[in-house]
Amino acid sequence: MPKITVMMDGAILNQIDLTKESTTLGRRPCNDIVLDHLTVSGEHAVLHLLGSGVSVQDLDSTNGTYLGGKAIKNEDLQHGDVLEIGKYRLKFEADPASEGTGAPVTAPGAAALSGLIKVLSGPAAGREMSLAKVVTTIGKPGISVAAITQRHNSFFVHQVQGSDRLTINGENVGENPCVLQHGDRIVLAGTEMQFLNA
C-alpha cells in the first residue's frame, strides 16, 4: 500500500500507510496526520486515495503546500515525490504493486457525502450552506469559528476559535471533534443553525 514518510530537518518522524479514502494533514489534533508546528495550518491539506493512486489537495492553507518547490492546489503524486508543508517534508512512496501503471488519479468529489447547514436565526436566517469541501468553517472570524470536516464517512464539528462555546442540541462542545447527526441544532456566536444530510 502507498505510504507517507514524515521528516523534519532530515530526521524521520513517522511513517504512515495510506489506507483511508481521505487522510487529513494539519496542526490540529483532529487530523489523521498531525504536523504540530506554527508554519502548518490547522487543516492544511488532504491526501485522497483512489484505487492505487494518491493525490494531494491543499485546503486553502496559509503557507501553502509545495511539490518540487512549486505551490500546488490539487496534484497527483508520483513515487518518490516530496511534499513541503511548513517545516515538514513528506515523502510519498507508491504501492509497489501499482508502480509503473501510470494510472491517472482523480480526487474524489463530495458525492459520497452530502450535507448542509441551514441558518435558523439572525440576519442570515433561511440561508443554506452546502458542505461540499473537506473542511468548511462556520461562525464569525475573530469572535467564534467552528470547522466541519468530512472524515470516516461522517461530518465532524469542532471549535477552532473564540471563547463563546459551540453547542449542539444545548450541549457544550470543546475542541474535540463531535459527529454531526441529521437534524442537530448548532449554536455558535449567538446564531442557531441546523445540520441536515442532503
Protein backbone atom coordinates (compact mmCIF):
# COMPACT_ATOMS: atom_id res chain seq x y z
CA MET A 1 0.00 0.00 0.00
CA PRO A 2 1.16 3.59 -0.55
CA LYS A 3 2.75 5.38 2.38
CA ILE A 4 3.96 8.78 3.55
CA THR A 5 7.22 9.32 5.46
CA VAL A 6 7.16 12.48 7.61
CA MET A 7 10.54 14.19 8.02
CA MET A 8 11.87 17.38 9.58
CA ASP A 9 15.48 18.61 9.35
CA GLY A 10 16.46 15.31 7.75
CA ALA A 11 15.12 13.18 10.62
CA ILE A 12 12.30 10.69 10.03
CA LEU A 13 9.47 11.39 12.47
CA ASN A 14 6.80 8.97 11.30
CA GLN A 15 5.73 6.58 8.55
CA ILE A 16 2.04 6.26 7.75
CA ASP A 17 0.35 3.71 5.46
CA LEU A 18 -2.38 5.36 3.40
CA THR A 19 -5.33 3.03 3.87
CA LYS A 20 -8.21 5.54 4.02
CA GLU A 21 -10.01 7.27 1.16
CA SER A 22 -9.11 10.65 2.68
CA THR A 23 -6.20 11.36 5.06
CA THR A 24 -6.13 14.86 6.55
CA LEU A 25 -2.93 16.72 7.47
CA GLY A 26 -2.65 19.75 9.73
CA ARG A 27 -1.65 21.24 13.05
CA ARG A 28 -4.86 20.46 14.97
CA PRO A 29 -5.15 17.12 16.80
CA CYS A 30 -8.30 16.17 14.84
CA ASN A 31 -6.18 15.46 11.73
CA ASP A 32 -5.15 11.95 10.71
CA ILE A 33 -1.53 13.16 10.39
CA VAL A 34 -0.74 15.88 12.94
CA LEU A 35 2.04 18.30 11.94
CA ASP A 36 2.46 20.29 15.13
CA HIS A 37 4.24 23.46 14.02
CA LEU A 38 3.08 27.07 13.60
CA THR A 39 4.08 27.01 9.90
CA VAL A 40 1.27 24.47 9.35
CA SER A 41 -2.41 25.46 9.15
CA GLY A 42 -4.99 23.83 11.43
CA GLU A 43 -6.48 21.95 8.47
CA HIS A 44 -3.70 22.19 5.89
CA ALA A 45 -4.13 19.51 3.23
CA VAL A 46 -5.76 16.16 2.47
CA LEU A 47 -4.46 13.07 0.69
CA HIS A 48 -7.02 11.26 -1.49
CA LEU A 49 -6.61 7.55 -2.13
CA LEU A 50 -8.34 6.37 -5.29
CA GLY A 51 -7.62 2.86 -6.42
CA SER A 52 -3.84 2.50 -6.26
CA GLY A 53 -3.13 6.21 -6.83
CA VAL A 54 -2.89 9.15 -4.45
CA SER A 55 -3.49 12.86 -4.96
CA VAL A 56 -2.90 15.80 -2.61
CA GLN A 57 -5.27 18.75 -2.16
CA ASP A 58 -4.30 21.97 -0.38
CA LEU A 59 -7.14 23.23 1.88
CA ASP A 60 -6.51 26.96 1.28
CA SER A 61 -3.70 26.81 3.84
CA THR A 62 -1.93 29.99 4.94
CA ASN A 63 1.58 28.96 3.87
CA GLY A 64 0.67 26.62 1.03
CA THR A 65 1.57 23.08 0.02
CA TYR A 66 4.64 22.67 -2.20
CA LEU A 67 5.79 19.94 -4.57
CA GLY A 68 9.20 20.37 -6.20
CA GLY A 69 9.35 23.95 -4.92
CA LYS A 70 6.06 24.84 -6.65
CA ALA A 71 2.87 25.76 -4.78
CA ILE A 72 0.09 23.32 -5.66
CA LYS A 73 -3.66 23.14 -5.12
CA ASN A 74 -4.52 19.66 -6.36
CA GLU A 75 -1.88 17.32 -7.72
CA ASP A 76 -1.44 13.62 -8.45
CA LEU A 77 1.54 12.15 -6.59
CA GLN A 78 4.25 10.02 -8.21
CA HIS A 79 6.50 7.57 -6.39
CA GLY A 80 9.32 9.47 -4.68
CA ASP A 81 7.56 12.87 -4.66
CA VAL A 82 8.38 15.03 -1.62
CA LEU A 83 5.72 17.45 -0.34
CA GLU A 84 6.75 20.50 1.64
CA ILE A 85 4.28 21.59 4.31
CA GLY A 86 5.72 24.26 6.60
CA LYS A 87 8.87 22.87 8.24
CA TYR A 88 7.94 19.30 7.26
CA ARG A 89 8.93 17.16 4.28
CA LEU A 90 6.58 14.31 3.38
CA LYS A 91 7.95 11.67 1.04
CA PHE A 92 5.39 9.68 -0.93
CA GLU A 93 6.01 6.04 -1.79
CA ALA A 94 3.58 4.37 -4.16
CA ASP A 95 2.16 0.91 -3.69
CA PRO A 96 4.88 -1.37 -5.15
CA ALA A 97 2.19 -3.48 -6.84
CA SER A 98 0.92 -0.48 -8.80
CA GLU A 99 4.23 1.21 -9.70
CA GLY A 100 4.61 2.00 -13.35
CA THR A 101 0.91 1.69 -14.19
CA GLY A 102 0.70 5.45 -14.77
CA ALA A 103 -2.99 5.35 -13.97
CA PRO A 104 -4.32 8.88 -13.55
CA VAL A 105 -5.76 9.78 -10.19
CA THR A 106 -8.77 12.00 -9.74
CA ALA A 107 -9.57 13.32 -6.29
CA PRO A 108 -12.97 12.05 -5.21
CA GLY A 109 -15.65 14.71 -5.07
CA ALA A 110 -18.21 15.24 -2.36
CA ALA A 111 -20.66 12.82 -3.97
CA ALA A 112 -20.11 10.18 -1.28
CA LEU A 113 -21.01 12.61 1.49
CA SER A 114 -23.60 15.32 1.16
CA GLY A 115 -24.72 17.66 3.92
CA LEU A 116 -25.73 21.23 4.53
CA ILE A 117 -26.05 23.81 7.27
CA LYS A 118 -29.28 25.81 7.46
CA VAL A 119 -29.18 29.10 9.35
CA LEU A 120 -32.21 29.42 11.66
CA SER A 121 -31.64 32.79 13.38
CA GLY A 122 -30.01 36.16 12.85
CA PRO A 123 -29.70 38.26 9.68
CA ALA A 124 -28.78 35.24 7.54
CA ALA A 125 -31.81 33.16 8.66
CA GLY A 126 -33.01 30.85 5.90
CA ARG A 127 -29.60 30.68 4.20
CA GLU A 128 -28.30 27.21 3.38
CA MET A 129 -24.61 26.36 3.12
CA SER A 130 -23.60 23.21 1.26
CA LEU A 131 -20.83 21.17 2.92
CA ALA A 132 -19.07 20.42 -0.36
CA LYS A 133 -15.47 20.88 0.81
CA VAL A 134 -13.42 18.55 3.00
CA VAL A 135 -13.32 21.36 5.61
CA THR A 136 -15.98 24.09 5.92
CA THR A 137 -15.73 26.85 8.53
CA ILE A 138 -18.76 28.49 10.13
CA GLY A 139 -19.18 31.37 12.57
CA LYS A 140 -17.73 34.86 12.81
CA PRO A 141 -13.95 35.24 12.33
CA GLY A 142 -12.38 36.94 15.34
CA ILE A 143 -15.36 36.01 17.54
CA SER A 144 -16.16 32.31 17.27
CA VAL A 145 -15.34 29.89 14.46
CA ALA A 146 -16.01 26.16 14.11
CA ALA A 147 -14.79 23.74 11.43
CA ILE A 148 -16.95 21.00 9.90
CA THR A 149 -14.76 18.23 8.47
CA GLN A 150 -15.64 15.24 6.28
CA ARG A 151 -13.94 12.16 7.75
CA HIS A 152 -14.67 8.44 8.05
CA ASN A 153 -17.90 8.87 6.00
CA SER A 154 -19.28 11.31 8.60
CA PHE A 155 -19.29 15.04 9.28
CA PHE A 156 -17.41 16.16 12.40
CA VAL A 157 -17.54 19.61 14.01
CA HIS A 158 -15.15 21.24 16.46
CA GLN A 159 -14.48 24.75 17.66
CA VAL A 160 -11.30 26.39 16.38
CA GLN A 161 -11.59 29.97 17.67
CA GLY A 162 -13.40 32.05 20.28
CA SER A 163 -14.49 31.88 23.89
CA ASP A 164 -18.22 31.77 23.05
CA ARG A 165 -18.64 27.98 23.23
CA LEU A 166 -20.14 25.97 20.41
CA THR A 167 -23.21 23.96 21.47
CA ILE A 168 -25.00 21.06 19.79
CA ASN A 169 -28.55 20.39 20.96
CA GLY A 170 -27.79 22.52 24.05
CA GLU A 171 -24.60 20.62 24.99
CA ASN A 172 -21.21 22.36 25.04
CA VAL A 173 -18.71 21.03 22.50
CA GLY A 174 -15.00 21.51 23.09
CA GLU A 175 -12.09 21.26 20.68
CA ASN A 176 -12.51 17.51 20.29
CA PRO A 177 -14.40 16.72 17.07
CA CYS A 178 -18.03 15.67 17.52
CA VAL A 179 -20.00 13.65 14.94
CA LEU A 180 -22.97 15.53 13.47
CA GLN A 181 -26.30 13.76 13.15
CA HIS A 182 -29.16 14.73 10.83
CA GLY A 183 -31.25 17.46 12.48
CA ASP A 184 -28.65 18.53 15.07
CA ARG A 185 -29.12 22.12 16.29
CA ILE A 186 -25.85 24.08 16.42
CA VAL A 187 -25.44 27.42 18.23
CA LEU A 188 -22.28 29.45 17.62
CA ALA A 189 -21.66 33.15 18.29
CA GLY A 190 -25.35 33.61 19.06
CA THR A 191 -26.52 32.15 15.73
CA GLU A 192 -28.62 28.99 15.62
CA MET A 193 -28.07 26.57 12.73
CA GLN A 194 -29.21 23.08 11.82
CA PHE A 195 -27.19 20.28 10.23
CA LEU A 196 -29.04 18.28 7.57
CA ASN A 197 -27.98 15.30 5.48
CA ALA A 198 -28.65 16.49 1.94
